[in-house]
Amino acid sequence: MANMTILEAAEHFGVSKEAIHNRVRRGSLSVEVVNGIKLVTIDASAPKKQQQVKRKATATTQVNNDKYYTLLEEQNTQLQAKVEKFEQEVSKLRDQKENMLIEERVKIEQIYRDKDEQLKSILHTLSSELMLKPPVVEKEEHLEAEIELEEPKKNSELISLKKYLKSQNISKKRSEKIKARFKKKAKNEKKIIVLSGKYYIDIIKYDYTDLIK
């Protein structure tokens, strides 16, 4: 048996001083006054219940913490394994993409080389044909060109309709109407001469009063 102050007893049991006073009042703890100091008589060999509970709780907490840390380590290991796997797959896909791009580039370059060879062959063939067969101008085309380039002689009785209308000071609007009449009658009127798409008149030989009015 041992005598302890209220404070020592509270620390011994791990409770408050008020709790010790309550036990004294209930009679669960005996008390005596020595030299004016209230001492609580307790069995020193008895287990400290609160400390046992505290140690048990601490041990339980430690076990739980160990389990938690172990779980975290396992999850971390699993995540690292997944990350490594993803990195390997990404690296593999990147290599496949680069290989595909290289293959496509080689194919495109080969296509352009083939096209160049075909073009060179065609140009060579055309060049050879042009050198062996110079272009021949048909007589009809040559004559037509000469007719188109032919202009009335200075001493000719013909005069272009445009020049004639200009010499007569005929307005532009009226000139357009006259030209439209000439165009409409050109096929059927012998007195309308057409050279190179231009209209000519012979004011000495023919009368154009019906067309120029």
Protein backbone atom coordinates (compact mmCIF):
# COMPACT_ATOMS: atom_id res chain seq x y z
CA MET A 1 0.00 0.00 0.00
CA ALA A 2 1.17 3.55 -0.67
CA ASN A 3 -0.02 7.02 0.19
CA MET A 4 -0.22 9.61 -2.58
CA THR A 5 -1.44 13.13 -2.83
CA ILE A 6 -4.52 13.87 -4.87
CA LEU A 7 -2.32 15.13 -7.73
CA GLU A 8 -0.06 12.07 -7.60
CA ALA A 9 -3.06 9.75 -7.53
CA ALA A 10 -4.58 11.54 -10.51
CA GLU A 11 -1.34 11.15 -12.43
CA HIS A 12 -1.08 7.54 -11.31
CA PHE A 13 -4.53 6.67 -12.66
CA GLY A 14 -4.30 9.09 -15.57
CA VAL A 15 -7.42 10.98 -14.56
CA SER A 16 -8.28 14.43 -13.26
CA LYS A 17 -8.06 15.47 -9.58
CA GLU A 18 -11.84 15.87 -9.57
CA ALA A 19 -12.17 12.20 -10.51
CA ILE A 20 -9.99 11.25 -7.51
CA HIS A 21 -12.15 13.38 -5.20
CA ASN A 22 -15.24 11.65 -6.57
CA ARG A 23 -13.73 8.23 -5.81
CA VAL A 24 -12.88 9.35 -2.30
CA ARG A 25 -16.48 10.52 -1.77
CA ARG A 26 -17.81 7.23 -3.14
CA GLY A 27 -15.47 5.33 -0.84
CA SER A 28 -13.65 3.51 -3.59
CA LEU A 29 -10.47 5.13 -2.37
CA SER A 30 -9.49 5.55 1.27
CA VAL A 31 -7.96 8.82 2.41
CA GLU A 32 -6.14 10.04 5.50
CA VAL A 33 -4.78 13.42 6.55
CA VAL A 34 -1.10 13.56 7.52
CA ASN A 35 0.27 16.87 8.74
CA GLY A 36 -2.68 18.65 7.19
CA ILE A 37 -2.17 17.01 3.80
CA LYS A 38 -4.86 14.73 2.39
CA LEU A 39 -3.26 11.50 1.18
CA VAL A 40 -4.95 8.78 -0.84
CA THR A 41 -4.15 5.19 0.01
CA ILE A 42 -3.80 3.02 -3.05
CA ASP A 43 -2.42 -0.41 -3.86
CA ALA A 44 0.87 0.34 -5.65
CA SER A 45 1.05 -3.21 -6.98
CA ALA A 46 -2.35 -2.89 -8.66
CA PRO A 47 -2.16 -2.33 -12.46
CA LYS A 48 -2.63 1.17 -13.65
CA LYS A 49 -5.83 0.78 -15.57
CA GLN A 50 -5.65 4.04 -17.47
CA GLN A 51 -2.03 3.46 -18.41
CA GLN A 52 -2.90 -0.04 -19.59
CA VAL A 53 -5.73 1.34 -21.68
CA LYS A 54 -3.43 4.05 -23.03
CA ARG A 55 -0.70 1.53 -23.87
CA LYS A 56 -3.27 -0.73 -25.50
CA ALA A 57 -4.65 2.17 -27.55
CA THR A 58 -1.13 3.20 -28.51
CA ALA A 59 -0.31 -0.35 -29.56
CA THR A 60 -3.53 -0.57 -31.59
CA THR A 61 -2.79 2.76 -33.25
CA GLN A 62 0.73 1.62 -34.09
CA VAL A 63 -0.61 -1.58 -35.63
CA ASN A 64 -3.15 0.37 -37.65
CA ASN A 65 -0.46 2.81 -38.77
CA ASP A 66 1.79 -0.06 -39.82
CA LYS A 67 -1.07 -1.60 -41.84
CA TYR A 68 -1.83 1.79 -43.43
CA TYR A 69 1.79 2.40 -44.38
CA THR A 70 2.06 -1.14 -45.73
CA LEU A 71 -1.07 -0.58 -47.82
CA LEU A 72 0.29 2.73 -49.13
CA GLU A 73 3.56 1.08 -50.08
CA GLU A 74 1.72 -1.69 -51.93
CA GLN A 75 -0.46 0.81 -53.80
CA ASN A 76 2.59 2.93 -54.60
CA THR A 77 4.38 -0.12 -55.98
CA GLN A 78 1.35 -1.01 -58.11
CA LEU A 79 1.08 2.56 -59.43
CA GLN A 80 4.78 2.64 -60.30
CA ALA A 81 4.37 -0.63 -62.20
CA LYS A 82 1.41 0.81 -64.13
CA VAL A 83 3.32 4.01 -64.92
CA GLU A 84 6.27 2.00 -66.22
CA LYS A 85 3.90 -0.10 -68.35
CA PHE A 86 2.23 3.03 -69.81
CA GLU A 87 5.62 4.59 -70.54
CA GLN A 88 6.67 1.44 -72.40
CA GLU A 89 3.44 1.45 -74.44
CA VAL A 90 3.84 5.16 -75.25
CA SER A 91 7.44 4.59 -76.33
CA LYS A 92 6.33 1.66 -78.48
CA LEU A 93 3.56 3.71 -80.13
CA ARG A 94 5.98 6.59 -80.75
CA ASP A 95 8.43 4.23 -82.46
CA GLN A 96 5.63 2.76 -84.60
CA LYS A 97 4.50 6.26 -85.63
CA GLU A 98 8.04 7.28 -86.60
CA ASN A 99 8.47 4.10 -88.64
CA MET A 100 5.16 4.72 -90.43
CA LEU A 101 6.15 8.31 -91.25
CA ILE A 102 9.49 7.15 -92.59
CA GLU A 103 7.81 4.50 -94.77
CA GLU A 104 5.28 7.03 -96.13
CA ARG A 105 8.04 9.51 -96.91
CA VAL A 106 10.00 6.85 -98.80
CA LYS A 107 6.87 5.93 -100.79
CA ILE A 108 6.12 9.57 -101.67
CA GLU A 109 9.72 10.20 -102.75
CA GLN A 110 9.61 7.09 -104.95
CA ILE A 111 6.34 8.24 -106.55
CA TYR A 112 7.86 11.62 -107.39
CA ARG A 113 10.96 9.95 -108.82
CA ASP A 114 8.78 7.72 -111.01
CA LYS A 115 6.75 10.74 -112.16
CA ASP A 116 9.94 12.62 -113.00
CA GLU A 117 11.20 9.71 -115.06
CA GLN A 118 7.87 9.49 -116.92
CA LEU A 119 7.89 13.23 -117.59
CA LYS A 120 11.48 13.11 -118.85
CA SER A 121 10.58 10.23 -121.14
CA ILE A 122 7.56 12.09 -122.55
CA LEU A 123 9.54 15.28 -123.11
CA HIS A 124 12.32 13.33 -124.81
CA THR A 125 9.80 11.61 -127.10
CA LEU A 126 8.11 14.90 -128.02
CA SER A 127 11.45 16.56 -128.62
CA SER A 128 12.52 13.75 -130.93
CA GLU A 129 9.27 13.90 -132.90
CA LEU A 130 9.50 17.67 -133.30
CA MET A 131 13.07 17.39 -134.57
CA LEU A 132 12.17 14.62 -137.05
CA LYS A 133 8.84 16.06 -138.15
CA PRO A 134 8.88 19.84 -138.48
CA PRO A 135 5.42 21.42 -138.42
CA VAL A 136 3.71 21.74 -141.80
CA VAL A 137 1.37 24.66 -142.41
CA GLU A 138 -1.54 23.71 -144.66
CA LYS A 139 -2.03 25.79 -147.74
CA GLU A 140 -5.58 26.71 -146.83
CA GLU A 141 -4.48 28.10 -143.49
CA HIS A 142 -1.64 29.99 -145.15
CA LEU A 143 -3.98 31.50 -147.71
CA GLU A 144 -6.50 32.40 -145.03
CA ALA A 145 -3.78 34.13 -143.06
CA GLU A 146 -2.76 36.07 -146.13
CA ILE A 147 -6.39 37.09 -146.71
CA GLU A 148 -6.73 38.23 -143.11
CA LEU A 149 -3.58 40.29 -143.34
CA GLU A 150 -4.52 41.73 -146.68
CA GLU A 151 -5.68 45.33 -146.50
CA PRO A 152 -7.31 47.32 -149.29
CA LYS A 153 -4.82 49.10 -151.48
CA LYS A 154 -4.52 52.83 -151.18
CA ASN A 155 -5.94 53.43 -154.69
CA SER A 156 -8.77 50.96 -154.17
CA GLU A 157 -12.38 52.08 -154.39
CA LEU A 158 -13.10 50.17 -151.13
CA ILE A 159 -13.25 51.92 -147.81
CA SER A 160 -13.84 50.42 -144.37
CA LEU A 161 -17.25 51.03 -142.90
CA LYS A 162 -15.68 52.30 -139.70
CA LYS A 163 -13.57 54.84 -141.54
CA TYR A 164 -16.51 55.95 -143.66
CA LEU A 165 -18.79 56.48 -140.65
CA LYS A 166 -16.07 58.44 -138.92
CA SER A 167 -15.60 60.67 -142.00
CA GLN A 168 -19.33 61.39 -142.01
CA ASN A 169 -19.28 62.50 -138.34
CA ILE A 170 -21.95 59.96 -137.44
CA SER A 171 -22.54 59.54 -133.71
CA LYS A 172 -21.31 56.47 -131.92
CA LYS A 173 -24.82 55.29 -131.08
CA ARG A 174 -25.98 55.59 -134.68
CA SER A 175 -22.76 53.93 -135.90
CA GLU A 176 -23.49 50.89 -133.73
CA LYS A 177 -26.96 50.56 -135.27
CA ILE A 178 -25.50 50.80 -138.81
CA LYS A 179 -22.89 48.15 -138.02
CA ALA A 180 -25.66 45.89 -136.70
CA ARG A 181 -27.51 46.26 -140.03
CA PHE A 182 -24.36 45.42 -141.97
CA LYS A 183 -23.76 42.35 -139.83
CA LYS A 184 -27.33 41.18 -140.36
CA LYS A 185 -27.24 41.71 -144.16
CA ALA A 186 -23.64 40.66 -144.81
CA LYS A 187 -24.46 37.11 -145.93
CA ASN A 188 -27.11 38.13 -148.42
CA GLU A 189 -25.84 41.49 -149.72
CA LYS A 190 -23.24 41.35 -152.44
CA LYS A 191 -22.34 45.00 -151.90
CA ILE A 192 -21.06 44.28 -148.37
CA ILE A 193 -17.45 43.12 -148.49
CA VAL A 194 -16.07 41.31 -145.40
CA LEU A 195 -12.33 40.98 -144.93
CA SER A 196 -10.77 39.70 -141.67
CA GLY A 197 -14.04 40.29 -139.84
CA LYS A 198 -14.21 43.95 -141.01
CA TYR A 199 -16.84 45.49 -143.25
CA TYR A 200 -15.88 47.41 -146.40
CA ILE A 201 -18.04 49.36 -148.84
CA ASP A 202 -17.61 50.54 -152.40
CA ILE A 203 -19.47 53.84 -152.41
CA ILE A 204 -18.73 54.39 -156.12
CA LYS A 205 -20.09 51.06 -157.31
CA TYR A 206 -22.96 50.52 -154.86
CA ASP A 207 -25.66 52.48 -153.08
CA TYR A 208 -25.83 52.03 -149.30
CA THR A 209 -28.62 54.47 -148.57
CA ASP A 210 -30.87 51.67 -147.24
CA LEU A 211 -28.23 50.60 -144.73
CA ILE A 212 -26.75 53.95 -143.79
CA LYS A 213 -29.60 56.18 -142.62
